[in-house]
Amino acid sequence: MAAYVIVDVEIYDIEAFLHYQKQLAPLLEQAGARYLARGGEFRVYAGDYEPGRLIVLEFPSLREMDAFYESEAYQQLITLREASSECRILAVEGL
């Protein structure tokens, strides 16, 4: 069952973040993930939530997302992500 990952990101250093994204791309491909939305226009219809840049990814399963996030390769990228941005990341299992 697919899992959907929602990332709300505030980017502080775009050059460093682009470097992170470049290294991230092959890891996502290896995990079977794909982008569904990446920084497009959005609207908040209820509540006072004001996200920064929204990213939505689809993974083959929640287990695949767990394996990706906990992988040594991704763990090595977290320092770069944290140095260039602040993220809120969550995942939900699809129907």
C-alpha atoms as a PDB file:
ATOM      1  CA  MET A   1       0.000   0.000   0.000  1.00  0.00           C
ATOM      2  CA  ALA A   2       1.442   3.377  -0.997  1.00  0.00           C
ATOM      3  CA  ALA A   3       2.552   5.935   1.561  1.00  0.00           C
ATOM      4  CA  TYR A   4       2.441   9.676   1.081  1.00  0.00           C
ATOM      5  CA  VAL A   5       5.101  11.900   2.570  1.00  0.00           C
ATOM      6  CA  ILE A   6       4.386  15.558   3.182  1.00  0.00           C
ATOM      7  CA  VAL A   7       7.298  17.905   3.710  1.00  0.00           C
ATOM      8  CA  ASP A   8       6.858  21.507   4.806  1.00  0.00           C
ATOM      9  CA  VAL A   9      10.209  23.225   4.344  1.00  0.00           C
ATOM     10  CA  GLU A  10      11.583  26.699   5.042  1.00  0.00           C
ATOM     11  CA  ILE A  11      14.785  27.113   3.026  1.00  0.00           C
ATOM     12  CA  TYR A  12      17.496  29.367   4.504  1.00  0.00           C
ATOM     13  CA  ASP A  13      20.356  28.622   2.109  1.00  0.00           C
ATOM     14  CA  ILE A  14      19.111  27.794  -1.386  1.00  0.00           C
ATOM     15  CA  GLU A  15      22.516  26.790  -2.780  1.00  0.00           C
ATOM     16  CA  ALA A  16      23.140  24.305   0.021  1.00  0.00           C
ATOM     17  CA  PHE A  17      19.564  23.031  -0.229  1.00  0.00           C
ATOM     18  CA  LEU A  18      19.957  22.460  -3.982  1.00  0.00           C
ATOM     19  CA  HIS A  19      23.131  20.493  -3.231  1.00  0.00           C
ATOM     20  CA  TYR A  20      21.100  18.400  -0.750  1.00  0.00           C
ATOM     21  CA  GLN A  21      18.367  17.854  -3.366  1.00  0.00           C
ATOM     22  CA  LYS A  22      20.906  16.745  -5.960  1.00  0.00           C
ATOM     23  CA  GLN A  23      22.226  14.071  -3.580  1.00  0.00           C
ATOM     24  CA  LEU A  24      18.704  13.163  -2.501  1.00  0.00           C
ATOM     25  CA  ALA A  25      17.359  12.434  -6.007  1.00  0.00           C
ATOM     26  CA  PRO A  26      19.152   9.089  -6.573  1.00  0.00           C
ATOM     27  CA  LEU A  27      18.220   7.909  -3.070  1.00  0.00           C
ATOM     28  CA  LEU A  28      14.545   8.619  -3.728  1.00  0.00           C
ATOM     29  CA  GLU A  29      14.746   6.822  -7.067  1.00  0.00           C
ATOM     30  CA  GLN A  30      16.375   3.812  -5.385  1.00  0.00           C
ATOM     31  CA  ALA A  31      13.557   3.742  -2.823  1.00  0.00           C
ATOM     32  CA  GLY A  32      10.912   3.777  -5.563  1.00  0.00           C
ATOM     33  CA  ALA A  33       9.640   7.210  -4.514  1.00  0.00           C
ATOM     34  CA  ARG A  34       8.301   9.885  -6.807  1.00  0.00           C
ATOM     35  CA  TYR A  35       7.335  13.527  -6.450  1.00  0.00           C
ATOM     36  CA  LEU A  36       3.617  14.345  -6.665  1.00  0.00           C
ATOM     37  CA  ALA A  37       4.001  18.029  -5.784  1.00  0.00           C
ATOM     38  CA  ARG A  38       7.105  20.107  -5.297  1.00  0.00           C
ATOM     39  CA  GLY A  39       6.875  23.736  -4.306  1.00  0.00           C
ATOM     40  CA  GLY A  40       3.800  24.640  -6.346  1.00  0.00           C
ATOM     41  CA  GLU A  41       1.086  27.096  -5.499  1.00  0.00           C
ATOM     42  CA  PHE A  42      -1.075  26.087  -2.540  1.00  0.00           C
ATOM     43  CA  ARG A  43      -3.959  27.423  -0.494  1.00  0.00           C
ATOM     44  CA  VAL A  44      -4.869  27.073   3.172  1.00  0.00           C
ATOM     45  CA  TYR A  45      -8.633  26.640   3.462  1.00  0.00           C
ATOM     46  CA  ALA A  46      -8.983  26.266   7.221  1.00  0.00           C
ATOM     47  CA  GLY A  47      -6.904  27.014  10.285  1.00  0.00           C
ATOM     48  CA  ASP A  48      -3.914  29.239  10.859  1.00  0.00           C
ATOM     49  CA  TYR A  49      -1.289  26.895   9.428  1.00  0.00           C
ATOM     50  CA  GLU A  50       1.125  28.746   7.140  1.00  0.00           C
ATOM     51  CA  PRO A  51       3.451  26.263   5.466  1.00  0.00           C
ATOM     52  CA  GLY A  52       6.573  27.344   3.642  1.00  0.00           C
ATOM     53  CA  ARG A  53       7.300  25.238   0.577  1.00  0.00           C
ATOM     54  CA  LEU A  54       5.264  22.042   0.341  1.00  0.00           C
ATOM     55  CA  ILE A  55       6.514  18.792  -1.133  1.00  0.00           C
ATOM     56  CA  VAL A  56       4.462  15.619  -1.517  1.00  0.00           C
ATOM     57  CA  LEU A  57       6.121  12.300  -2.343  1.00  0.00           C
ATOM     58  CA  GLU A  58       4.711   8.856  -2.947  1.00  0.00           C
ATOM     59  CA  PHE A  59       6.599   5.808  -1.655  1.00  0.00           C
ATOM     60  CA  PRO A  60       5.640   2.215  -2.442  1.00  0.00           C
ATOM     61  CA  SER A  61       4.822   1.685   1.250  1.00  0.00           C
ATOM     62  CA  LEU A  62       5.310   3.135   4.714  1.00  0.00           C
ATOM     63  CA  ARG A  63       7.902   0.424   5.298  1.00  0.00           C
ATOM     64  CA  GLU A  64       9.856   1.677   2.250  1.00  0.00           C
ATOM     65  CA  MET A  65       9.706   5.227   3.638  1.00  0.00           C
ATOM     66  CA  ASP A  66      10.984   3.989   6.997  1.00  0.00           C
ATOM     67  CA  ALA A  67      13.851   2.131   5.311  1.00  0.00           C
ATOM     68  CA  PHE A  68      14.713   5.181   3.197  1.00  0.00           C
ATOM     69  CA  TYR A  69      14.671   7.594   6.152  1.00  0.00           C
ATOM     70  CA  GLU A  70      16.683   5.299   8.404  1.00  0.00           C
ATOM     71  CA  SER A  71      19.213   4.359   5.714  1.00  0.00           C
ATOM     72  CA  GLU A  72      22.843   5.287   6.287  1.00  0.00           C
ATOM     73  CA  ALA A  73      22.903   7.172   2.978  1.00  0.00           C
ATOM     74  CA  TYR A  74      19.989   9.427   3.956  1.00  0.00           C
ATOM     75  CA  GLN A  75      21.195   9.866   7.524  1.00  0.00           C
ATOM     76  CA  GLN A  76      24.389  11.343   6.087  1.00  0.00           C
ATOM     77  CA  LEU A  77      22.326  13.973   4.232  1.00  0.00           C
ATOM     78  CA  ILE A  78      20.375  15.145   7.271  1.00  0.00           C
ATOM     79  CA  THR A  79      23.171  17.469   8.424  1.00  0.00           C
ATOM     80  CA  LEU A  80      23.124  19.203   5.034  1.00  0.00           C
ATOM     81  CA  ARG A  81      19.315  19.458   5.117  1.00  0.00           C
ATOM     82  CA  GLU A  82      19.357  20.914   8.621  1.00  0.00           C
ATOM     83  CA  ALA A  83      22.091  23.421   7.741  1.00  0.00           C
ATOM     84  CA  SER A  84      20.087  24.772   4.804  1.00  0.00           C
ATOM     85  CA  SER A  85      16.483  24.475   5.927  1.00  0.00           C
ATOM     86  CA  GLU A  86      13.952  23.644   8.580  1.00  0.00           C
ATOM     87  CA  CYS A  87      11.608  20.787   7.740  1.00  0.00           C
ATOM     88  CA  ARG A  88       8.517  19.170   9.094  1.00  0.00           C
ATOM     89  CA  ILE A  89       8.161  15.709   7.597  1.00  0.00           C
ATOM     90  CA  LEU A  90       5.263  13.316   8.022  1.00  0.00           C
ATOM     91  CA  ALA A  91       4.008  10.237   6.272  1.00  0.00           C
ATOM     92  CA  VAL A  92       0.594   8.667   5.974  1.00  0.00           C
ATOM     93  CA  GLU A  93      -0.379   5.283   4.613  1.00  0.00           C
ATOM     94  CA  GLY A  94      -2.693   5.409   1.622  1.00  0.00           C
ATOM     95  CA  LEU A  95      -5.952   3.565   1.164  1.00  0.00           C
END
